[in-house]
Amino acid sequence: MTGNKPAPPAIELARDAVFLDFDGCLVEIAPRPDAVVIPPDLPAMLTTLAEALDGALAVVSGRSLRDLEHFLSGYAGPMVGSHGAEARGMDPPLAESPAELTALQAELARFAQTQGLLYEEKSHGGALHFRADPTRQQEVEEFTAALADRFPAFAIQPAKMAVELRPEGYSKDGALALLSELPDFSGRRPVYAGDDRTDEPALAWAEANEGYGIKIGEGESAARFHLPEPEDLRAWLAAAVRG
């Protein structure tokens, strides 16, 4: 279990490439996706750390890129959204949205409205949240599974108290592989921090590529290291800035 895993070592500024999830990692999970609280100093701290790493820092999230740019306004470094389908600071992995995106989003929004669930529209997909009523999990899983059968360009992505449909063929580990080919990241040791099932492929990728993962929160994980809360991760990052 994560409780038996140690805290990560200090960031090695000349050696490491740092990749960070957003929700539940850099910031605390909120009741609604639009209600996250951004610590006032977070964008500036990320900017300072990115400069100390010679540019080898990226945010990698299931969030839409537009949301990341809004919430982390002031941080100008690379960011990957939609589980690797869209990016800032590199060529867009997915040049065009899947043809059936509008129809898929309409189905998700209609189901959420009729069933009293929270729908989150994303640039290349959408998510149904059941945090307000965890007993709805099976209902949501069954609906999204049926929807994925009808829209094969999309894949099911389980998350914390939510189920998402994202473009088939894109994932956070794939995003790390692409980012690691960029000049600022190439040749560095990958360090990835994430908190939920959507992050496990990226955590495993970092471990398999001579780097390491940091699991935020509880649960089984491929990560070698553990920090209890997002505030602990922010303190770890800030320590590297202070030197």
C-alpha atoms as a PDB file:
ATOM      1  CA  MET A   1       0.000   0.000   0.000  1.00  0.00           C
ATOM      2  CA  THR A   2       1.062   3.609  -0.464  1.00  0.00           C
ATOM      3  CA  GLY A   3       1.427   4.179   3.263  1.00  0.00           C
ATOM      4  CA  ASN A   4       4.450   1.887   3.298  1.00  0.00           C
ATOM      5  CA  LYS A   5       6.197   3.752   0.499  1.00  0.00           C
ATOM      6  CA  PRO A   6       8.724   6.499   1.242  1.00  0.00           C
ATOM      7  CA  ALA A   7       8.583  10.149   0.285  1.00  0.00           C
ATOM      8  CA  PRO A   8      10.440  10.969  -2.936  1.00  0.00           C
ATOM      9  CA  PRO A   9      14.027  12.198  -2.933  1.00  0.00           C
ATOM     10  CA  ALA A  10      14.768  15.835  -3.680  1.00  0.00           C
ATOM     11  CA  ILE A  11      14.490  16.902  -7.304  1.00  0.00           C
ATOM     12  CA  GLU A  12      17.848  16.900  -9.067  1.00  0.00           C
ATOM     13  CA  LEU A  13      17.638  20.054 -11.159  1.00  0.00           C
ATOM     14  CA  ALA A  14      20.398  19.091 -13.592  1.00  0.00           C
ATOM     15  CA  ARG A  15      19.077  15.562 -14.098  1.00  0.00           C
ATOM     16  CA  ASP A  16      15.304  15.325 -13.764  1.00  0.00           C
ATOM     17  CA  ALA A  17      12.364  16.042 -16.031  1.00  0.00           C
ATOM     18  CA  VAL A  18       9.252  16.670 -13.926  1.00  0.00           C
ATOM     19  CA  PHE A  19       5.721  15.826 -15.112  1.00  0.00           C
ATOM     20  CA  LEU A  20       2.733  16.765 -12.937  1.00  0.00           C
ATOM     21  CA  ASP A  21      -0.936  15.827 -12.949  1.00  0.00           C
ATOM     22  CA  PHE A  22      -3.373  18.609 -12.008  1.00  0.00           C
ATOM     23  CA  ASP A  23      -6.510  17.541 -10.073  1.00  0.00           C
ATOM     24  CA  GLY A  24      -5.728  15.691  -6.854  1.00  0.00           C
ATOM     25  CA  CYS A  25      -2.032  16.299  -7.433  1.00  0.00           C
ATOM     26  CA  LEU A  26      -1.135  19.970  -7.869  1.00  0.00           C
ATOM     27  CA  VAL A  27      -4.520  21.037  -6.456  1.00  0.00           C
ATOM     28  CA  GLU A  28      -7.064  19.423  -4.165  1.00  0.00           C
ATOM     29  CA  ILE A  29     -10.090  17.662  -5.649  1.00  0.00           C
ATOM     30  CA  ALA A  30     -13.183  19.878  -5.546  1.00  0.00           C
ATOM     31  CA  PRO A  31     -16.898  18.957  -5.515  1.00  0.00           C
ATOM     32  CA  ARG A  32     -17.151  20.339  -9.070  1.00  0.00           C
ATOM     33  CA  PRO A  33     -14.403  20.567 -11.705  1.00  0.00           C
ATOM     34  CA  ASP A  34     -14.879  24.338 -11.956  1.00  0.00           C
ATOM     35  CA  ALA A  35     -14.570  24.831  -8.189  1.00  0.00           C
ATOM     36  CA  VAL A  36     -10.899  23.920  -7.698  1.00  0.00           C
ATOM     37  CA  VAL A  37      -8.922  26.372  -5.582  1.00  0.00           C
ATOM     38  CA  ILE A  38      -5.585  27.444  -7.036  1.00  0.00           C
ATOM     39  CA  PRO A  39      -2.973  28.499  -4.471  1.00  0.00           C
ATOM     40  CA  PRO A  40      -2.049  32.079  -5.427  1.00  0.00           C
ATOM     41  CA  ASP A  41       1.658  31.315  -5.691  1.00  0.00           C
ATOM     42  CA  LEU A  42       1.309  28.091  -7.712  1.00  0.00           C
ATOM     43  CA  PRO A  43       1.791  29.424 -11.285  1.00  0.00           C
ATOM     44  CA  ALA A  44       4.805  31.501 -10.230  1.00  0.00           C
ATOM     45  CA  MET A  45       6.317  28.567  -8.342  1.00  0.00           C
ATOM     46  CA  LEU A  46       5.930  26.311 -11.396  1.00  0.00           C
ATOM     47  CA  THR A  47       7.539  28.966 -13.578  1.00  0.00           C
ATOM     48  CA  THR A  48      10.504  29.319 -11.230  1.00  0.00           C
ATOM     49  CA  LEU A  49      10.947  25.553 -11.010  1.00  0.00           C
ATOM     50  CA  ALA A  50      10.712  25.183 -14.790  1.00  0.00           C
ATOM     51  CA  GLU A  51      13.458  27.766 -15.191  1.00  0.00           C
ATOM     52  CA  ALA A  52      15.629  25.914 -12.655  1.00  0.00           C
ATOM     53  CA  LEU A  53      15.054  22.699 -14.645  1.00  0.00           C
ATOM     54  CA  ASP A  54      16.013  24.432 -17.910  1.00  0.00           C
ATOM     55  CA  GLY A  55      12.464  23.984 -19.171  1.00  0.00           C
ATOM     56  CA  ALA A  56      12.024  20.304 -18.228  1.00  0.00           C
ATOM     57  CA  LEU A  57       8.658  20.635 -16.476  1.00  0.00           C
ATOM     58  CA  ALA A  58       5.212  19.889 -17.886  1.00  0.00           C
ATOM     59  CA  VAL A  59       1.666  19.589 -16.588  1.00  0.00           C
ATOM     60  CA  VAL A  60      -0.026  16.415 -17.900  1.00  0.00           C
ATOM     61  CA  SER A  61      -3.753  16.136 -17.194  1.00  0.00           C
ATOM     62  CA  GLY A  62      -7.071  14.724 -18.258  1.00  0.00           C
ATOM     63  CA  ARG A  63      -8.399  18.281 -18.141  1.00  0.00           C
ATOM     64  CA  SER A  64      -9.006  20.183 -21.341  1.00  0.00           C
ATOM     65  CA  LEU A  65      -6.058  22.360 -22.278  1.00  0.00           C
ATOM     66  CA  ARG A  66      -8.277  25.457 -22.091  1.00  0.00           C
ATOM     67  CA  ASP A  67      -9.038  24.652 -18.428  1.00  0.00           C
ATOM     68  CA  LEU A  68      -5.367  24.179 -17.584  1.00  0.00           C
ATOM     69  CA  GLU A  69      -4.461  27.473 -19.241  1.00  0.00           C
ATOM     70  CA  HIS A  70      -7.242  29.207 -17.288  1.00  0.00           C
ATOM     71  CA  PHE A  71      -6.416  27.764 -13.888  1.00  0.00           C
ATOM     72  CA  LEU A  72      -2.630  28.047 -14.275  1.00  0.00           C
ATOM     73  CA  SER A  73      -2.618  31.447 -15.918  1.00  0.00           C
ATOM     74  CA  GLY A  74       0.866  32.884 -15.498  1.00  0.00           C
ATOM     75  CA  TYR A  75       2.647  29.583 -16.106  1.00  0.00           C
ATOM     76  CA  ALA A  76       3.828  29.491 -19.726  1.00  0.00           C
ATOM     77  CA  GLY A  77       5.491  26.076 -19.885  1.00  0.00           C
ATOM     78  CA  PRO A  78       4.383  22.910 -21.701  1.00  0.00           C
ATOM     79  CA  MET A  79       0.976  21.507 -20.798  1.00  0.00           C
ATOM     80  CA  VAL A  80      -0.794  18.394 -22.064  1.00  0.00           C
ATOM     81  CA  GLY A  81      -4.561  18.080 -21.789  1.00  0.00           C
ATOM     82  CA  SER A  82      -7.262  15.512 -22.557  1.00  0.00           C
ATOM     83  CA  HIS A  83      -5.046  12.561 -21.554  1.00  0.00           C
ATOM     84  CA  GLY A  84      -2.509  13.382 -24.247  1.00  0.00           C
ATOM     85  CA  ALA A  85      -4.838  14.376 -27.085  1.00  0.00           C
ATOM     86  CA  GLU A  86      -3.982  18.099 -26.982  1.00  0.00           C
ATOM     87  CA  ALA A  87      -0.884  20.008 -25.947  1.00  0.00           C
ATOM     88  CA  ARG A  88       0.807  23.369 -25.613  1.00  0.00           C
ATOM     89  CA  GLY A  89       4.508  23.583 -26.327  1.00  0.00           C
ATOM     90  CA  MET A  90       4.556  20.756 -28.883  1.00  0.00           C
ATOM     91  CA  ASP A  91       2.695  19.762 -32.030  1.00  0.00           C
ATOM     92  CA  PRO A  92      -0.898  18.768 -31.184  1.00  0.00           C
ATOM     93  CA  PRO A  93      -1.052  14.961 -30.908  1.00  0.00           C
ATOM     94  CA  LEU A  94      -4.650  14.993 -32.162  1.00  0.00           C
ATOM     95  CA  ALA A  95      -4.879  17.406 -35.087  1.00  0.00           C
ATOM     96  CA  GLU A  96      -8.672  17.266 -35.368  1.00  0.00           C
ATOM     97  CA  SER A  97     -11.431  16.275 -32.974  1.00  0.00           C
ATOM     98  CA  PRO A  98     -13.108  12.917 -33.685  1.00  0.00           C
ATOM     99  CA  ALA A  99     -15.948  13.291 -36.172  1.00  0.00           C
ATOM    100  CA  GLU A 100     -18.616  12.144 -33.708  1.00  0.00           C
ATOM    101  CA  LEU A 101     -17.529  14.392 -30.831  1.00  0.00           C
ATOM    102  CA  THR A 102     -20.621  16.612 -30.925  1.00  0.00           C
ATOM    103  CA  ALA A 103     -22.998  13.642 -30.945  1.00  0.00           C
ATOM    104  CA  LEU A 104     -21.140  11.968 -28.084  1.00  0.00           C
ATOM    105  CA  GLN A 105     -21.175  15.105 -25.957  1.00  0.00           C
ATOM    106  CA  ALA A 106     -24.899  15.564 -26.587  1.00  0.00           C
ATOM    107  CA  GLU A 107     -25.567  12.023 -25.324  1.00  0.00           C
ATOM    108  CA  LEU A 108     -23.491  12.588 -22.191  1.00  0.00           C
ATOM    109  CA  ALA A 109     -25.128  15.944 -21.465  1.00  0.00           C
ATOM    110  CA  ARG A 110     -28.636  14.544 -21.997  1.00  0.00           C
ATOM    111  CA  PHE A 111     -28.000  11.590 -19.683  1.00  0.00           C
ATOM    112  CA  ALA A 112     -26.547  13.837 -16.987  1.00  0.00           C
ATOM    113  CA  GLN A 113     -29.503  16.200 -17.154  1.00  0.00           C
ATOM    114  CA  THR A 114     -32.148  13.502 -17.024  1.00  0.00           C
ATOM    115  CA  GLN A 115     -30.385  11.515 -14.292  1.00  0.00           C
ATOM    116  CA  GLY A 116     -29.316  14.397 -12.078  1.00  0.00           C
ATOM    117  CA  LEU A 117     -25.590  13.874 -12.625  1.00  0.00           C
ATOM    118  CA  LEU A 118     -22.780  16.337 -13.257  1.00  0.00           C
ATOM    119  CA  TYR A 119     -21.523  16.496 -16.840  1.00  0.00           C
ATOM    120  CA  GLU A 120     -18.090  17.933 -17.649  1.00  0.00           C
ATOM    121  CA  GLU A 121     -17.543  18.828 -21.283  1.00  0.00           C
ATOM    122  CA  LYS A 122     -13.970  18.442 -22.505  1.00  0.00           C
ATOM    123  CA  SER A 123     -12.219  19.538 -25.682  1.00  0.00           C
ATOM    124  CA  HIS A 124     -12.164  16.003 -27.086  1.00  0.00           C
ATOM    125  CA  GLY A 125     -14.727  14.141 -24.995  1.00  0.00           C
ATOM    126  CA  GLY A 126     -16.685  14.411 -21.775  1.00  0.00           C
ATOM    127  CA  ALA A 127     -17.098  13.015 -18.277  1.00  0.00           C
ATOM    128  CA  LEU A 128     -19.936  12.063 -15.956  1.00  0.00           C
ATOM    129  CA  HIS A 129     -19.270  12.714 -12.261  1.00  0.00           C
ATOM    130  CA  PHE A 130     -21.019  10.867  -9.443  1.00  0.00           C
ATOM    131  CA  ARG A 131     -19.076  12.320  -6.485  1.00  0.00           C
ATOM    132  CA  ALA A 132     -22.300  13.746  -5.056  1.00  0.00           C
ATOM    133  CA  ASP A 133     -23.850  10.243  -5.031  1.00  0.00           C
ATOM    134  CA  PRO A 134     -21.339   7.367  -5.214  1.00  0.00           C
ATOM    135  CA  THR A 135     -24.206   4.851  -5.388  1.00  0.00           C
ATOM    136  CA  ARG A 136     -24.669   5.908  -9.033  1.00  0.00           C
ATOM    137  CA  GLN A 137     -21.310   4.434 -10.083  1.00  0.00           C
ATOM    138  CA  GLN A 138     -22.651   1.247 -11.675  1.00  0.00           C
ATOM    139  CA  GLU A 139     -25.328   3.168 -13.555  1.00  0.00           C
ATOM    140  CA  VAL A 140     -22.732   5.552 -14.974  1.00  0.00           C
ATOM    141  CA  GLU A 141     -20.348   2.739 -15.869  1.00  0.00           C
ATOM    142  CA  GLU A 142     -23.061   0.810 -17.708  1.00  0.00           C
ATOM    143  CA  PHE A 143     -24.188   3.877 -19.665  1.00  0.00           C
ATOM    144  CA  THR A 144     -20.663   4.909 -20.697  1.00  0.00           C
ATOM    145  CA  ALA A 145     -19.800   1.326 -21.699  1.00  0.00           C
ATOM    146  CA  ALA A 146     -22.831   1.239 -23.998  1.00  0.00           C
ATOM    147  CA  LEU A 147     -21.905   4.653 -25.370  1.00  0.00           C
ATOM    148  CA  ALA A 148     -18.328   3.543 -26.101  1.00  0.00           C
ATOM    149  CA  ASP A 149     -19.729   0.641 -28.130  1.00  0.00           C
ATOM    150  CA  ARG A 150     -21.711   3.110 -30.243  1.00  0.00           C
ATOM    151  CA  PHE A 151     -18.810   5.581 -30.612  1.00  0.00           C
ATOM    152  CA  PRO A 152     -15.683   3.477 -31.241  1.00  0.00           C
ATOM    153  CA  ALA A 153     -13.464   6.542 -31.755  1.00  0.00           C
ATOM    154  CA  PHE A 154     -13.653   7.016 -27.971  1.00  0.00           C
ATOM    155  CA  ALA A 155     -12.400   4.930 -25.060  1.00  0.00           C
ATOM    156  CA  ILE A 156     -13.611   4.659 -21.483  1.00  0.00           C
ATOM    157  CA  GLN A 157     -11.359   6.321 -18.912  1.00  0.00           C
ATOM    158  CA  PRO A 158     -12.287   5.630 -15.266  1.00  0.00           C
ATOM    159  CA  ALA A 159     -11.357   8.429 -12.857  1.00  0.00           C
ATOM    160  CA  LYS A 160     -12.026   9.442  -9.256  1.00  0.00           C
ATOM    161  CA  MET A 161     -15.810   9.413  -8.811  1.00  0.00           C
ATOM    162  CA  ALA A 162     -16.239   9.852 -12.566  1.00  0.00           C
ATOM    163  CA  VAL A 163     -16.146   8.040 -15.868  1.00  0.00           C
ATOM    164  CA  GLU A 164     -14.817   9.794 -18.945  1.00  0.00           C
ATOM    165  CA  LEU A 165     -14.887   9.102 -22.655  1.00  0.00           C
ATOM    166  CA  ARG A 166     -11.660  10.238 -24.338  1.00  0.00           C
ATOM    167  CA  PRO A 167     -10.252   9.762 -27.859  1.00  0.00           C
ATOM    168  CA  GLU A 168      -9.089   6.202 -28.483  1.00  0.00           C
ATOM    169  CA  GLY A 169      -5.317   5.786 -28.623  1.00  0.00           C
ATOM    170  CA  TYR A 170      -4.275   8.636 -26.323  1.00  0.00           C
ATOM    171  CA  SER A 171      -2.962   8.325 -22.784  1.00  0.00           C
ATOM    172  CA  LYS A 172      -0.734  10.043 -20.276  1.00  0.00           C
ATOM    173  CA  ASP A 173       2.113   7.572 -20.742  1.00  0.00           C
ATOM    174  CA  GLY A 174       1.995   8.291 -24.462  1.00  0.00           C
ATOM    175  CA  ALA A 175       2.204  11.998 -23.628  1.00  0.00           C
ATOM    176  CA  LEU A 176       5.316  11.393 -21.503  1.00  0.00           C
ATOM    177  CA  ALA A 177       6.940   9.483 -24.341  1.00  0.00           C
ATOM    178  CA  LEU A 178       6.321  12.381 -26.745  1.00  0.00           C
ATOM    179  CA  LEU A 179       7.425  15.053 -24.289  1.00  0.00           C
ATOM    180  CA  SER A 180      10.616  13.138 -23.529  1.00  0.00           C
ATOM    181  CA  GLU A 181      11.646  13.512 -27.163  1.00  0.00           C
ATOM    182  CA  LEU A 182      11.630  17.320 -26.939  1.00  0.00           C
ATOM    183  CA  PRO A 183      15.026  19.012 -26.494  1.00  0.00           C
ATOM    184  CA  ASP A 184      14.276  20.363 -22.991  1.00  0.00           C
ATOM    185  CA  PHE A 185      13.316  16.880 -21.732  1.00  0.00           C
ATOM    186  CA  SER A 186      15.518  14.542 -23.760  1.00  0.00           C
ATOM    187  CA  GLY A 187      18.151  12.631 -21.789  1.00  0.00           C
ATOM    188  CA  ARG A 188      16.677  13.502 -18.414  1.00  0.00           C
ATOM    189  CA  ARG A 189      15.243  11.173 -15.782  1.00  0.00           C
ATOM    190  CA  PRO A 190      11.420  11.187 -15.910  1.00  0.00           C
ATOM    191  CA  VAL A 191       9.642  11.969 -12.643  1.00  0.00           C
ATOM    192  CA  TYR A 192       5.845  11.791 -12.709  1.00  0.00           C
ATOM    193  CA  ALA A 193       3.368  12.654  -9.941  1.00  0.00           C
ATOM    194  CA  GLY A 194      -0.288  11.594 -10.111  1.00  0.00           C
ATOM    195  CA  ASP A 195      -3.159  10.559  -7.897  1.00  0.00           C
ATOM    196  CA  ASP A 196      -5.640   8.219  -9.611  1.00  0.00           C
ATOM    197  CA  ARG A 197      -6.211   5.416 -12.121  1.00  0.00           C
ATOM    198  CA  THR A 198      -5.749   7.732 -15.092  1.00  0.00           C
ATOM    199  CA  ASP A 199      -2.172   8.313 -13.903  1.00  0.00           C
ATOM    200  CA  GLU A 200      -1.090   4.713 -13.422  1.00  0.00           C
ATOM    201  CA  PRO A 201       0.176   4.206 -17.019  1.00  0.00           C
ATOM    202  CA  ALA A 202       2.324   7.339 -16.704  1.00  0.00           C
ATOM    203  CA  LEU A 203       3.593   6.356 -13.254  1.00  0.00           C
ATOM    204  CA  ALA A 204       4.560   2.935 -14.632  1.00  0.00           C
ATOM    205  CA  TRP A 205       6.187   4.558 -17.684  1.00  0.00           C
ATOM    206  CA  ALA A 206       8.388   6.736 -15.503  1.00  0.00           C
ATOM    207  CA  GLU A 207       9.437   3.738 -13.425  1.00  0.00           C
ATOM    208  CA  ALA A 208      10.213   1.704 -16.562  1.00  0.00           C
ATOM    209  CA  ASN A 209      12.282   4.470 -18.147  1.00  0.00           C
ATOM    210  CA  GLU A 210      14.941   4.938 -15.468  1.00  0.00           C
ATOM    211  CA  GLY A 211      12.870   7.451 -13.532  1.00  0.00           C
ATOM    212  CA  TYR A 212      10.269   7.175 -10.810  1.00  0.00           C
ATOM    213  CA  GLY A 213       6.637   7.854  -9.964  1.00  0.00           C
ATOM    214  CA  ILE A 214       5.051   9.617  -6.998  1.00  0.00           C
ATOM    215  CA  LYS A 215       1.587   8.508  -5.925  1.00  0.00           C
ATOM    216  CA  ILE A 216      -0.446  11.282  -4.294  1.00  0.00           C
ATOM    217  CA  GLY A 217      -3.045   9.979  -1.849  1.00  0.00           C
ATOM    218  CA  GLU A 218      -4.041   6.404  -1.117  1.00  0.00           C
ATOM    219  CA  GLY A 219      -4.407   3.257  -3.205  1.00  0.00           C
ATOM    220  CA  GLU A 220      -2.272   0.672  -4.914  1.00  0.00           C
ATOM    221  CA  SER A 221       0.162   2.107  -7.427  1.00  0.00           C
ATOM    222  CA  ALA A 222       3.095   1.343  -9.696  1.00  0.00           C
ATOM    223  CA  ALA A 223       4.828   4.373  -8.190  1.00  0.00           C
ATOM    224  CA  ARG A 224       7.854   3.842  -5.985  1.00  0.00           C
ATOM    225  CA  PHE A 225       7.218   6.902  -3.813  1.00  0.00           C
ATOM    226  CA  HIS A 226       4.247   8.418  -1.990  1.00  0.00           C
ATOM    227  CA  LEU A 227       3.018  11.776  -0.695  1.00  0.00           C
ATOM    228  CA  PRO A 228      -0.271  11.999   1.242  1.00  0.00           C
ATOM    229  CA  GLU A 229      -1.820  15.195  -0.163  1.00  0.00           C
ATOM    230  CA  PRO A 230      -1.401  17.811  -2.915  1.00  0.00           C
ATOM    231  CA  GLU A 231      -0.071  20.257  -0.329  1.00  0.00           C
ATOM    232  CA  ASP A 232       2.764  17.803   0.337  1.00  0.00           C
ATOM    233  CA  LEU A 233       3.603  17.690  -3.369  1.00  0.00           C
ATOM    234  CA  ARG A 234       3.584  21.492  -3.562  1.00  0.00           C
ATOM    235  CA  ALA A 235       5.943  21.642  -0.568  1.00  0.00           C
ATOM    236  CA  TRP A 236       8.248  19.101  -2.300  1.00  0.00           C
ATOM    237  CA  LEU A 237       8.279  21.201  -5.457  1.00  0.00           C
ATOM    238  CA  ALA A 238       8.858  24.419  -3.512  1.00  0.00           C
ATOM    239  CA  ALA A 239      11.824  22.861  -1.707  1.00  0.00           C
ATOM    240  CA  ALA A 240      13.528  22.358  -5.059  1.00  0.00           C
ATOM    241  CA  VAL A 241      12.976  26.034  -5.886  1.00  0.00           C
ATOM    242  CA  ARG A 242      14.469  27.140  -2.573  1.00  0.00           C
ATOM    243  CA  GLY A 243      17.474  24.865  -3.064  1.00  0.00           C
END
